[in-house]
């Protein structure tokens, strides 16, 4: 494998980095507004050639036994654990602004998904059913789909890619990755991790919407995994459905957090800061809408503000928790939503402005708004920025009602010391994931995904594996006999009506 050069228009295919003839564009650091590198849009001809090579590689990969495939996936995991990931993390921090500790943590923690799905695919390969007929062996088995397309977001470009790629590879598929333009450089850098895969089985093709549409429409691809906005997720789902291709859609949300009268306020305030402002709020499962019970509202806000004041703002390669937003457009949306809320009566407790200390780059201060009401856009739209919109509620029941009053349903968080409230929240919250006293946690063995407009299908767990394989029912009669229900029917199976016989 040749080395990767971030200054050259490059894509990854056939086990190596290749120069592209496609249109190029500069990558700009959102903190310093300086050029980081160059990316390309691969040409249609380059895409077609890559798909042909990947198809040939997948035909060989799918016939390998599960143990051999698992061994190779474990090698990938071991390579992740043994490789110095600092270069990849630094590139990610420079191209999209993520604080370095979060970037290095992301790329260093991808091994688990490969180990999990390597063994899950070996352990869970079908089902033997109770027979419906004597002398018949009846079972189902799983087979790969072919080539899967992975359309990735900018916020967790490596981790989320590994979640779906590991499941797809374990199922026997080949993988075509389309990284987000904002994190193409770090994704390409990471591709060196896949050196142990058969040549051509995995590819990384830079490009925009046109490439995504072409990959989904191509008869050479067979499944789609997408993470991104609701609008883009809807478009991907429609396009995939038009081709009768299965799709896993994780489309973000506007997650609620409930602070009950029984909440441990010191812990809740610290957890709320992380849930709301982690990666400047650019997390699909960020807590955006806060519902705080009246009895503890004022005390919680004081503690929430105090914890927020401890955060440092700056370049992702410095000692800072709050980096820039990914783009000027992303910050403009945050500003619009905050301005709308303030115009309708919300109070800015802290933040609500571009930090004076960072006049260059797309920075925005971590912001807490109180007095929020349902008519404010920030309570209806996904903000995807460092803003916590707080609504005062009378009690726990009203908090649940308001939390569920949303077209989104990705995750939801609750802080409480009441077991009754915790269990009630787990039952009643309309979300694919519920966290009590510990937001944002995931588990390779549990399904990740949302309800309502927040997505279709699941990543991780056995459900995440099933997204990339299809079932086949098999019936084997090992002692062939002529069955009594086969044609022609015996005469005594017929009855007569009006002189005519009917079966």
Protein backbone atom coordinates (compact mmCIF):
# COMPACT_ATOMS: atom_id res chain seq x y z
CA UNK A 1 0.00 0.00 0.00
CA UNK A 2 1.37 3.41 -0.95
CA UNK A 3 1.31 6.32 1.51
CA UNK A 4 -1.48 8.87 1.67
CA UNK A 5 -0.85 12.50 0.71
CA UNK A 6 -3.48 14.98 1.96
CA UNK A 7 -2.32 17.54 -0.59
CA UNK A 8 -3.24 15.38 -3.59
CA UNK A 9 -6.71 14.54 -5.00
CA UNK A 10 -6.87 10.91 -3.98
CA UNK A 11 -9.23 8.00 -3.48
CA UNK A 12 -8.66 4.52 -2.03
CA UNK A 13 -9.42 1.40 -4.06
CA UNK A 14 -7.81 -1.90 -4.95
CA UNK A 15 -5.84 -1.82 -1.72
CA UNK A 16 -3.97 1.38 -2.62
CA UNK A 17 -4.28 5.16 -2.90
CA UNK A 18 -4.97 6.36 -6.42
CA UNK A 19 -4.96 9.77 -8.08
CA UNK A 20 -8.30 11.04 -9.30
CA UNK A 21 -9.07 13.01 -12.43
CA UNK A 22 -12.18 14.49 -10.83
CA UNK A 23 -12.94 18.02 -9.72
CA UNK A 24 -10.90 19.14 -6.71
CA UNK A 25 -11.61 21.46 -3.78
CA UNK A 26 -9.64 22.75 -0.83
CA UNK A 27 -10.32 21.64 2.74
CA UNK A 28 -10.45 24.61 5.11
CA UNK A 29 -9.78 24.39 8.85
CA UNK A 30 -12.98 25.73 10.53
CA UNK A 31 -10.93 27.10 13.44
CA UNK A 32 -8.20 28.95 11.57
CA UNK A 33 -9.77 29.24 8.10
CA UNK A 34 -6.52 27.93 6.63
CA UNK A 35 -6.08 25.31 3.93
CA UNK A 36 -5.56 21.79 5.29
CA UNK A 37 -5.48 19.70 2.10
CA UNK A 38 -7.20 18.82 -1.14
CA UNK A 39 -10.08 16.47 -1.86
CA UNK A 40 -11.71 15.36 -5.09
CA UNK A 41 -14.98 14.20 -6.54
CA UNK A 42 -14.22 10.87 -8.21
CA UNK A 43 -15.40 10.63 -11.80
CA UNK A 44 -18.21 8.30 -12.94
CA UNK A 45 -15.64 6.20 -14.79
CA UNK A 46 -13.51 5.86 -11.65
CA UNK A 47 -16.58 4.84 -9.66
CA UNK A 48 -17.56 2.17 -12.17
CA UNK A 49 -14.05 0.72 -12.24
CA UNK A 50 -13.95 0.57 -8.43
CA UNK A 51 -17.33 -1.18 -8.28
CA UNK A 52 -16.15 -3.79 -10.76
CA UNK A 53 -13.03 -4.56 -8.75
CA UNK A 54 -14.98 -4.66 -5.49
CA UNK A 55 -17.56 -7.00 -7.01
CA UNK A 56 -14.85 -9.47 -8.04
CA UNK A 57 -13.26 -9.30 -4.59
CA UNK A 58 -16.61 -9.80 -2.84
CA UNK A 59 -17.36 -12.96 -4.80
CA UNK A 60 -14.24 -14.52 -3.31
CA UNK A 61 -14.83 -13.06 0.16
CA UNK A 62 -18.37 -14.39 0.49
CA UNK A 63 -17.33 -18.01 -0.02
CA UNK A 64 -14.77 -17.91 2.79
CA UNK A 65 -15.82 -19.76 5.91
CA UNK A 66 -16.96 -17.66 8.85
CA UNK A 67 -13.90 -18.51 10.92
CA UNK A 68 -11.49 -17.24 8.25
CA UNK A 69 -13.45 -14.02 7.82
CA UNK A 70 -13.50 -13.56 11.60
CA UNK A 71 -9.75 -14.08 11.81
CA UNK A 72 -9.18 -11.31 9.26
CA UNK A 73 -11.55 -8.93 11.07
CA UNK A 74 -9.68 -9.61 14.32
CA UNK A 75 -6.48 -8.65 12.50
CA UNK A 76 -8.08 -5.33 11.58
CA UNK A 77 -8.99 -4.79 15.23
CA UNK A 78 -5.45 -5.63 16.31
CA UNK A 79 -4.04 -3.23 13.73
CA UNK A 80 -6.28 -0.45 15.09
CA UNK A 81 -5.04 -1.15 18.60
CA UNK A 82 -1.38 -1.29 17.56
CA UNK A 83 -1.29 1.64 15.12
CA UNK A 84 -0.25 5.15 16.11
CA UNK A 85 -3.45 7.04 15.37
CA UNK A 86 -2.14 10.52 16.15
CA UNK A 87 -1.79 11.55 12.50
CA UNK A 88 -5.37 10.53 11.69
CA UNK A 89 -6.70 12.30 14.79
CA UNK A 90 -4.77 15.47 14.03
CA UNK A 91 -6.06 15.56 10.46
CA UNK A 92 -9.63 15.11 11.73
CA UNK A 93 -9.20 17.91 14.24
CA UNK A 94 -7.80 20.22 11.59
CA UNK A 95 -10.38 19.50 8.91
CA UNK A 96 -13.56 19.65 11.02
CA UNK A 97 -12.57 21.20 14.35
CA UNK A 98 -13.06 18.27 16.73
CA UNK A 99 -10.99 18.62 19.93
CA UNK A 100 -7.97 16.33 19.68
CA UNK A 101 -8.83 14.14 22.74
CA UNK A 102 -12.16 13.30 21.13
CA UNK A 103 -10.55 12.66 17.75
CA UNK A 104 -7.89 10.33 19.11
CA UNK A 105 -10.49 8.61 21.28
CA UNK A 106 -12.70 8.01 18.28
CA UNK A 107 -10.12 6.42 16.03
CA UNK A 108 -8.58 4.38 18.84
CA UNK A 109 -11.88 2.88 19.94
CA UNK A 110 -13.08 1.27 16.71
CA UNK A 111 -11.57 -2.15 17.34
CA UNK A 112 -14.48 -3.37 19.46
CA UNK A 113 -16.97 -3.32 16.59
CA UNK A 114 -14.74 -5.53 14.44
CA UNK A 115 -14.22 -8.04 17.25
CA UNK A 116 -17.91 -8.09 18.13
CA UNK A 117 -19.21 -8.62 14.61
CA UNK A 118 -16.45 -11.11 13.77
CA UNK A 119 -17.74 -13.41 16.49
CA UNK A 120 -21.43 -12.60 16.09
CA UNK A 121 -21.32 -13.65 12.42
CA UNK A 122 -19.65 -16.92 13.43
CA UNK A 123 -22.11 -17.59 16.24
CA UNK A 124 -25.40 -16.55 14.63
CA UNK A 125 -25.66 -17.82 11.06
CA UNK A 126 -29.22 -19.12 10.86
CA UNK A 127 -31.98 -21.05 12.61
CA UNK A 128 -33.20 -24.63 12.63
CA UNK A 129 -36.99 -24.70 12.88
CA UNK A 130 -39.29 -27.35 14.20
CA UNK A 131 -40.31 -29.40 11.17
CA UNK A 132 -43.74 -29.11 9.56
CA UNK A 133 -43.46 -32.50 7.94
CA UNK A 134 -41.94 -35.81 9.01
CA UNK A 135 -38.62 -36.60 7.36
CA UNK A 136 -37.87 -32.99 6.46
CA UNK A 137 -34.97 -30.84 7.71
CA UNK A 138 -36.09 -27.20 7.72
CA UNK A 139 -33.86 -24.22 8.48
CA UNK A 140 -32.92 -20.69 7.47
CA UNK A 141 -29.47 -19.38 6.69
CA UNK A 142 -27.98 -15.94 6.11
CA UNK A 143 -26.11 -14.84 3.03
CA UNK A 144 -24.39 -11.56 2.09
CA UNK A 145 -26.10 -8.96 -0.06
CA UNK A 146 -23.12 -8.04 -2.26
CA UNK A 147 -21.69 -4.50 -2.09
CA UNK A 148 -22.85 -2.10 0.61
CA UNK A 149 -22.65 1.69 0.29
CA UNK A 150 -21.72 3.65 3.43
CA UNK A 151 -22.59 7.37 3.32
CA UNK A 152 -20.88 8.89 6.32
CA UNK A 153 -21.37 12.03 8.44
CA UNK A 154 -18.69 14.51 9.49
CA UNK A 155 -19.14 14.30 13.26
CA UNK A 156 -17.96 10.71 13.88
CA UNK A 157 -16.54 9.81 10.47
CA UNK A 158 -14.39 6.88 11.58
CA UNK A 159 -16.38 5.32 14.41
CA UNK A 160 -19.74 5.28 12.62
CA UNK A 161 -18.07 4.01 9.47
CA UNK A 162 -16.54 1.13 11.42
CA UNK A 163 -19.89 0.23 13.01
CA UNK A 164 -21.52 -0.51 9.66
CA UNK A 165 -18.43 -1.63 7.74
CA UNK A 166 -17.56 -4.22 10.39
CA UNK A 167 -21.09 -5.65 10.25
CA UNK A 168 -21.12 -5.69 6.46
CA UNK A 169 -17.69 -7.33 6.11
CA UNK A 170 -18.57 -9.92 8.77
CA UNK A 171 -21.67 -10.78 6.72
CA UNK A 172 -19.56 -11.42 3.62
CA UNK A 173 -20.06 -8.15 1.73
CA UNK A 174 -17.72 -5.69 0.08
CA UNK A 175 -17.88 -2.04 1.19
CA UNK A 176 -17.87 1.26 -0.67
CA UNK A 177 -17.39 4.24 1.65
CA UNK A 178 -18.45 7.75 0.67
CA UNK A 179 -17.02 10.00 3.39
CA UNK A 180 -18.44 13.40 4.30
CA UNK A 181 -16.61 16.14 2.41
CA UNK A 182 -15.71 17.74 5.75
CA UNK A 183 -13.89 14.60 6.95
CA UNK A 184 -12.62 13.00 3.76
CA UNK A 185 -8.96 13.50 4.64
CA UNK A 186 -9.07 11.64 7.97
CA UNK A 187 -11.22 8.87 6.49
CA UNK A 188 -8.73 8.30 3.70
CA UNK A 189 -5.87 8.29 6.21
CA UNK A 190 -7.69 5.59 8.23
CA UNK A 191 -8.07 3.31 5.21
CA UNK A 192 -4.55 2.00 5.80
CA UNK A 193 -6.06 -0.01 8.65
CA UNK A 194 -7.66 -2.35 6.11
CA UNK A 195 -4.39 -3.70 4.73
CA UNK A 196 -5.29 -7.26 5.77
CA UNK A 197 -8.47 -7.36 3.69
CA UNK A 198 -8.43 -8.96 0.23
CA UNK A 199 -7.38 -6.42 -2.37
CA UNK A 200 -10.30 -4.40 -3.69
CA UNK A 201 -12.87 -5.53 -1.10
CA UNK A 202 -13.16 -2.06 0.43
CA UNK A 203 -12.94 1.35 -1.20
CA UNK A 204 -13.23 4.99 -0.14
CA UNK A 205 -14.60 7.30 -2.82
CA UNK A 206 -14.71 11.05 -2.11
CA UNK A 207 -17.55 13.06 -3.55
CA UNK A 208 -20.78 14.89 -2.90
CA UNK A 209 -24.49 14.34 -3.42
CA UNK A 210 -24.11 13.28 -7.05
CA UNK A 211 -21.76 10.45 -6.09
CA UNK A 212 -24.09 9.27 -3.33
CA UNK A 213 -26.99 9.22 -5.76
CA UNK A 214 -24.94 7.30 -8.34
CA UNK A 215 -23.78 4.71 -5.81
CA UNK A 216 -27.33 4.10 -4.59
CA UNK A 217 -28.70 3.88 -8.14
CA UNK A 218 -25.99 1.56 -9.42
CA UNK A 219 -27.08 -2.05 -10.07
CA UNK A 220 -23.66 -3.07 -8.77
CA UNK A 221 -24.52 -2.08 -5.16
CA UNK A 222 -27.01 -3.86 -2.94
CA UNK A 223 -27.44 -2.07 0.43
CA UNK A 224 -27.07 1.40 1.93
CA UNK A 225 -26.01 2.69 5.33
CA UNK A 226 -26.50 6.40 5.97
CA UNK A 227 -25.99 8.80 8.87
CA UNK A 228 -26.87 12.46 8.54
CA UNK A 229 -29.72 14.95 8.54
CA UNK A 230 -33.40 14.05 8.38
CA UNK A 231 -33.79 15.69 4.97
CA UNK A 232 -30.83 13.83 3.49
CA UNK A 233 -31.88 10.60 5.21
CA UNK A 234 -35.32 10.83 3.67
CA UNK A 235 -33.80 11.32 0.22
CA UNK A 236 -31.49 8.34 0.70
CA UNK A 237 -34.35 6.14 1.94
CA UNK A 238 -36.50 7.06 -1.06
CA UNK A 239 -33.67 6.45 -3.50
CA UNK A 240 -32.82 3.08 -1.95
CA UNK A 241 -36.46 2.02 -1.87
CA UNK A 242 -36.74 2.91 -5.54
CA UNK A 243 -34.02 0.35 -6.22
CA UNK A 244 -35.50 -2.16 -3.74
CA UNK A 245 -32.32 -1.99 -1.69
CA UNK A 246 -32.31 -2.33 2.11
CA UNK A 247 -31.17 0.82 3.91
CA UNK A 248 -30.12 1.64 7.45
CA UNK A 249 -30.92 5.31 8.07
CA UNK A 250 -29.73 7.18 11.18
CA UNK A 251 -31.16 10.65 10.71
CA UNK A 252 -30.40 12.56 13.89
CA UNK A 253 -32.86 14.25 16.16
CA UNK A 254 -33.51 16.80 18.87
CA UNK A 255 -33.04 14.70 21.98
CA UNK A 256 -34.81 15.63 25.21
CA UNK A 257 -33.31 15.54 28.70
CA UNK A 258 -35.56 15.45 31.75
CA UNK A 259 -34.42 16.72 35.15
CA UNK A 260 -36.90 15.39 37.71
CA UNK A 261 -37.62 16.56 41.24
CA UNK A 262 -35.57 13.58 42.42
CA UNK A 263 -32.53 14.34 40.24
CA UNK A 264 -29.03 14.42 41.78
CA UNK A 265 -28.50 18.03 40.71
CA UNK A 266 -24.69 18.16 40.89
CA UNK A 267 -24.39 15.03 38.77
CA UNK A 268 -27.21 16.14 36.49
CA UNK A 269 -25.59 19.50 35.81
CA UNK A 270 -22.25 17.89 34.92
CA UNK A 271 -23.97 15.29 32.74
CA UNK A 272 -26.06 17.96 31.03
CA UNK A 273 -22.92 19.90 30.06
CA UNK A 274 -21.45 16.84 28.36
CA UNK A 275 -24.75 15.82 26.76
CA UNK A 276 -25.42 19.30 25.37
CA UNK A 277 -21.96 20.56 24.48
CA UNK A 278 -19.90 17.48 23.61
CA UNK A 279 -18.19 18.23 20.30
CA UNK A 280 -19.91 21.64 20.29
CA UNK A 281 -23.30 19.93 20.23
CA UNK A 282 -22.56 18.29 16.89
CA UNK A 283 -23.62 14.82 18.04
CA UNK A 284 -26.74 13.09 16.75
CA UNK A 285 -27.67 12.17 20.31
CA UNK A 286 -26.84 15.56 21.85
CA UNK A 287 -29.38 16.71 24.42
CA UNK A 288 -31.01 19.80 22.90
CA UNK A 289 -34.39 20.14 24.63
CA UNK A 290 -34.33 20.23 28.44
CA UNK A 291 -37.44 19.76 30.57
CA UNK A 292 -36.78 20.70 34.17
CA UNK A 293 -39.37 20.16 36.89
CA UNK A 294 -40.37 23.43 38.58
CA UNK A 295 -39.34 22.30 42.08
CA UNK A 296 -35.64 22.07 41.08
CA UNK A 297 -35.53 24.34 38.04
CA UNK A 298 -33.73 27.34 39.51
CA UNK A 299 -31.18 25.30 41.47
CA UNK A 300 -30.42 23.17 38.43
CA UNK A 301 -29.93 26.18 36.15
CA UNK A 302 -27.46 27.74 38.61
CA UNK A 303 -25.43 24.52 38.68
CA UNK A 304 -25.75 24.03 34.91
CA UNK A 305 -24.42 27.55 34.27
CA UNK A 306 -21.58 27.08 36.76
CA UNK A 307 -20.47 23.85 35.07
CA UNK A 308 -20.69 25.46 31.63
CA UNK A 309 -18.41 28.31 32.74
CA UNK A 310 -15.63 25.75 33.25
CA UNK A 311 -15.48 24.91 29.53
CA UNK A 312 -12.63 26.22 27.40
CA UNK A 313 -13.15 27.45 23.84
CA UNK A 314 -10.47 27.19 21.19
CA UNK A 315 -8.73 25.32 18.43
CA UNK A 316 -9.18 21.57 18.61
CA UNK A 317 -5.41 21.08 18.85
CA UNK A 318 -5.21 23.22 22.01
CA UNK A 319 -6.56 22.55 25.49
CA UNK A 320 -10.19 23.24 24.71
CA UNK A 321 -13.45 21.35 25.08
CA UNK A 322 -15.42 23.60 22.70
CA UNK A 323 -14.06 23.72 19.17
CA UNK A 324 -15.57 25.44 16.15
CA UNK A 325 -18.67 24.35 14.35
CA UNK A 326 -17.93 22.53 11.14
CA UNK A 327 -18.88 25.36 8.79
CA UNK A 328 -20.16 28.91 8.48
CA UNK A 329 -23.59 27.55 7.50
CA UNK A 330 -23.71 25.39 10.64
CA UNK A 331 -23.03 28.40 12.85
CA UNK A 332 -25.51 30.54 10.94
CA UNK A 333 -28.23 28.00 11.72
CA UNK A 334 -27.39 28.08 15.44
CA UNK A 335 -27.48 31.87 15.45
CA UNK A 336 -30.85 31.86 13.68
CA UNK A 337 -32.39 29.47 16.21
CA UNK A 338 -31.04 31.36 19.23
CA UNK A 339 -32.18 34.73 17.85
CA UNK A 340 -35.66 33.32 17.18
CA UNK A 341 -35.92 31.96 20.72
CA UNK A 342 -34.78 35.24 22.31
CA UNK A 343 -37.21 37.21 20.14
CA UNK A 344 -40.02 35.00 21.46
CA UNK A 345 -39.09 35.45 25.12
CA UNK A 346 -36.25 33.07 25.93
CA UNK A 347 -33.54 34.29 28.31
CA UNK A 348 -29.85 33.75 27.64
CA UNK A 349 -28.34 32.47 30.91
CA UNK A 350 -24.86 32.08 29.42
CA UNK A 351 -23.37 32.29 25.94
CA UNK A 352 -25.55 33.29 23.04
CA UNK A 353 -22.76 34.88 21.04
CA UNK A 354 -19.60 34.42 19.03
CA UNK A 355 -16.75 34.30 21.59
CA UNK A 356 -14.66 37.52 21.54
CA UNK A 357 -11.57 35.39 22.14
CA UNK A 358 -12.06 33.57 18.82
CA UNK A 359 -12.81 36.12 16.09
CA UNK A 360 -11.51 33.78 13.37
CA UNK A 361 -13.29 30.51 12.64
CA UNK A 362 -16.82 29.26 13.14
CA UNK A 363 -16.96 29.35 16.93
CA UNK A 364 -20.04 29.84 19.11
CA UNK A 365 -20.18 29.96 22.89
CA UNK A 366 -21.91 27.14 24.80
CA UNK A 367 -25.34 28.56 25.41
CA UNK A 368 -28.16 27.94 27.89
CA UNK A 369 -31.60 29.38 27.15
CA UNK A 370 -34.39 29.38 29.73
CA UNK A 371 -38.06 30.20 29.35
CA UNK A 372 -38.30 28.24 26.12
CA UNK A 373 -41.74 27.43 24.72
CA UNK A 374 -43.06 25.03 22.07
CA UNK A 375 -43.57 27.81 19.51
CA UNK A 376 -39.81 28.43 19.29
CA UNK A 377 -38.03 26.88 16.31
CA UNK A 378 -35.26 25.60 18.55
CA UNK A 379 -37.79 23.28 20.23
CA UNK A 380 -38.82 21.86 16.87
CA UNK A 381 -35.69 21.72 14.74
CA UNK A 382 -32.40 19.91 15.19
CA UNK A 383 -29.96 22.62 16.28
CA UNK A 384 -26.71 20.61 16.03
CA UNK A 385 -24.81 23.24 17.95
CA UNK A 386 -23.79 24.09 21.54
CA UNK A 387 -27.21 25.23 22.76
CA UNK A 388 -29.39 23.86 25.56
CA UNK A 389 -33.00 25.04 25.31
CA UNK A 390 -34.69 24.72 28.72
CA UNK A 391 -38.42 24.56 29.40
CA UNK A 392 -39.83 24.68 32.92
CA UNK A 393 -42.48 21.98 33.54
CA UNK A 394 -44.83 21.34 36.42
CA UNK A 395 -43.99 17.71 37.08
CA UNK A 396 -42.55 14.47 35.72
CA UNK A 397 -45.66 13.60 33.72
CA UNK A 398 -45.63 16.93 31.92
CA UNK A 399 -41.92 16.49 31.24
CA UNK A 400 -42.60 13.15 29.51
CA UNK A 401 -45.46 14.67 27.52
CA UNK A 402 -43.30 17.56 26.28
CA UNK A 403 -40.32 15.31 25.59
CA UNK A 404 -42.45 13.11 23.33
CA UNK A 405 -43.95 16.10 21.51
CA UNK A 406 -41.47 15.91 18.65
CA UNK A 407 -41.18 14.42 15.19
CA UNK A 408 -37.79 13.03 16.28
CA UNK A 409 -37.12 10.01 18.44
CA UNK A 410 -33.43 9.12 18.47
CA UNK A 411 -32.45 9.23 22.14
CA UNK A 412 -33.70 10.64 25.44
CA UNK A 413 -32.08 11.18 28.84
CA UNK A 414 -33.37 11.38 32.40
CA UNK A 415 -31.70 12.29 35.67
CA UNK A 416 -33.43 10.92 38.73
CA UNK A 417 -32.78 8.90 41.91
CA UNK A 418 -36.31 7.46 41.80
CA UNK A 419 -36.47 3.91 40.49
CA UNK A 420 -40.14 4.43 39.70
CA UNK A 421 -39.36 7.45 37.53
CA UNK A 422 -36.48 5.67 35.84
CA UNK A 423 -38.59 2.67 34.91
CA UNK A 424 -41.52 4.86 33.88
CA UNK A 425 -39.26 6.90 31.61
CA UNK A 426 -37.87 3.75 29.99
CA UNK A 427 -41.45 2.65 29.28
CA UNK A 428 -42.97 5.92 28.11
CA UNK A 429 -40.25 7.87 26.28
CA UNK A 430 -40.73 7.64 22.50
CA UNK A 431 -37.12 7.10 21.49
CA UNK A 432 -34.89 4.35 20.23
CA UNK A 433 -32.51 4.80 23.17
CA UNK A 434 -33.04 5.94 26.76
CA UNK A 435 -30.29 6.91 29.19
CA UNK A 436 -30.85 7.29 32.92
CA UNK A 437 -28.16 9.25 34.79
CA UNK A 438 -25.52 8.57 32.09
CA UNK A 439 -26.21 10.06 28.63
CA UNK A 440 -24.62 9.24 25.26
CA UNK A 441 -23.37 5.73 26.13
CA UNK A 442 -23.48 2.99 23.47
CA UNK A 443 -22.80 -0.74 23.48
CA UNK A 444 -21.71 -2.93 20.53
CA UNK A 445 -24.15 -5.60 21.68
CA UNK A 446 -27.21 -3.30 21.83
CA UNK A 447 -29.07 -1.72 18.89
CA UNK A 448 -28.38 1.93 18.03
CA UNK A 449 -31.05 3.85 16.15
CA UNK A 450 -34.16 5.97 16.41
CA UNK A 451 -37.93 6.10 16.15
CA UNK A 452 -40.15 8.41 14.11
CA UNK A 453 -38.18 10.56 11.65
CA UNK A 454 -34.90 9.77 13.38
CA UNK A 455 -34.27 6.70 11.32
CA UNK A 456 -34.98 3.27 9.91
CA UNK A 457 -33.18 0.10 10.96
CA UNK A 458 -30.44 -0.35 13.54
CA UNK A 459 -26.69 -0.26 13.82
CA UNK A 460 -24.74 -2.48 16.26
CA UNK A 461 -26.05 -5.66 17.91
CA UNK A 462 -27.40 -8.62 15.96
CA UNK A 463 -29.87 -6.25 14.31
CA UNK A 464 -26.94 -4.30 12.91
CA UNK A 465 -25.57 -7.52 11.43
CA UNK A 466 -28.93 -8.46 9.92
CA UNK A 467 -29.01 -5.16 8.02
CA UNK A 468 -26.26 -6.47 5.73
CA UNK A 469 -27.42 -10.02 5.08
CA UNK A 470 -30.48 -11.73 3.66
CA UNK A 471 -32.18 -14.89 4.80
CA UNK A 472 -32.80 -18.03 2.80
CA UNK A 473 -35.27 -20.72 3.84
CA UNK A 474 -34.07 -24.25 3.07
CA UNK A 475 -36.18 -27.42 3.14
CA UNK A 476 -34.38 -30.75 2.74
CA UNK A 477 -36.16 -34.08 2.63
CA UNK A 478 -33.32 -36.51 3.16
CA UNK A 479 -35.55 -39.52 2.47
CA UNK A 480 -37.40 -38.67 -0.75
CA UNK A 481 -40.99 -39.94 -0.81
CA UNK A 482 -44.01 -39.10 -2.90
CA UNK A 483 -46.16 -36.80 -0.78
CA UNK A 484 -49.89 -37.46 -0.55
CA UNK A 485 -50.74 -33.81 -1.36
CA UNK A 486 -48.90 -33.81 -4.69
CA UNK A 487 -50.82 -33.85 -8.00
CA UNK A 488 -52.91 -35.63 -9.07
CA UNK A 489 -55.36 -35.64 -6.15
CA UNK A 490 -57.06 -38.93 -5.14
CA UNK A 491 -60.70 -39.17 -6.24
CA UNK A 492 -61.99 -39.21 -2.69
CA UNK A 493 -60.56 -35.67 -2.21
CA UNK A 494 -63.24 -34.29 -4.54
CA UNK A 495 -66.93 -33.52 -3.83
CA UNK A 496 -69.87 -33.29 -6.23
CA UNK A 497 -72.27 -30.31 -6.61
CA UNK A 498 -74.88 -30.12 -9.37
CA UNK A 499 -73.33 -33.00 -11.23
CA UNK A 500 -69.86 -31.34 -11.30
CA UNK A 501 -66.81 -32.31 -9.26
CA UNK A 502 -64.87 -29.66 -7.34
CA UNK A 503 -61.56 -30.03 -5.58
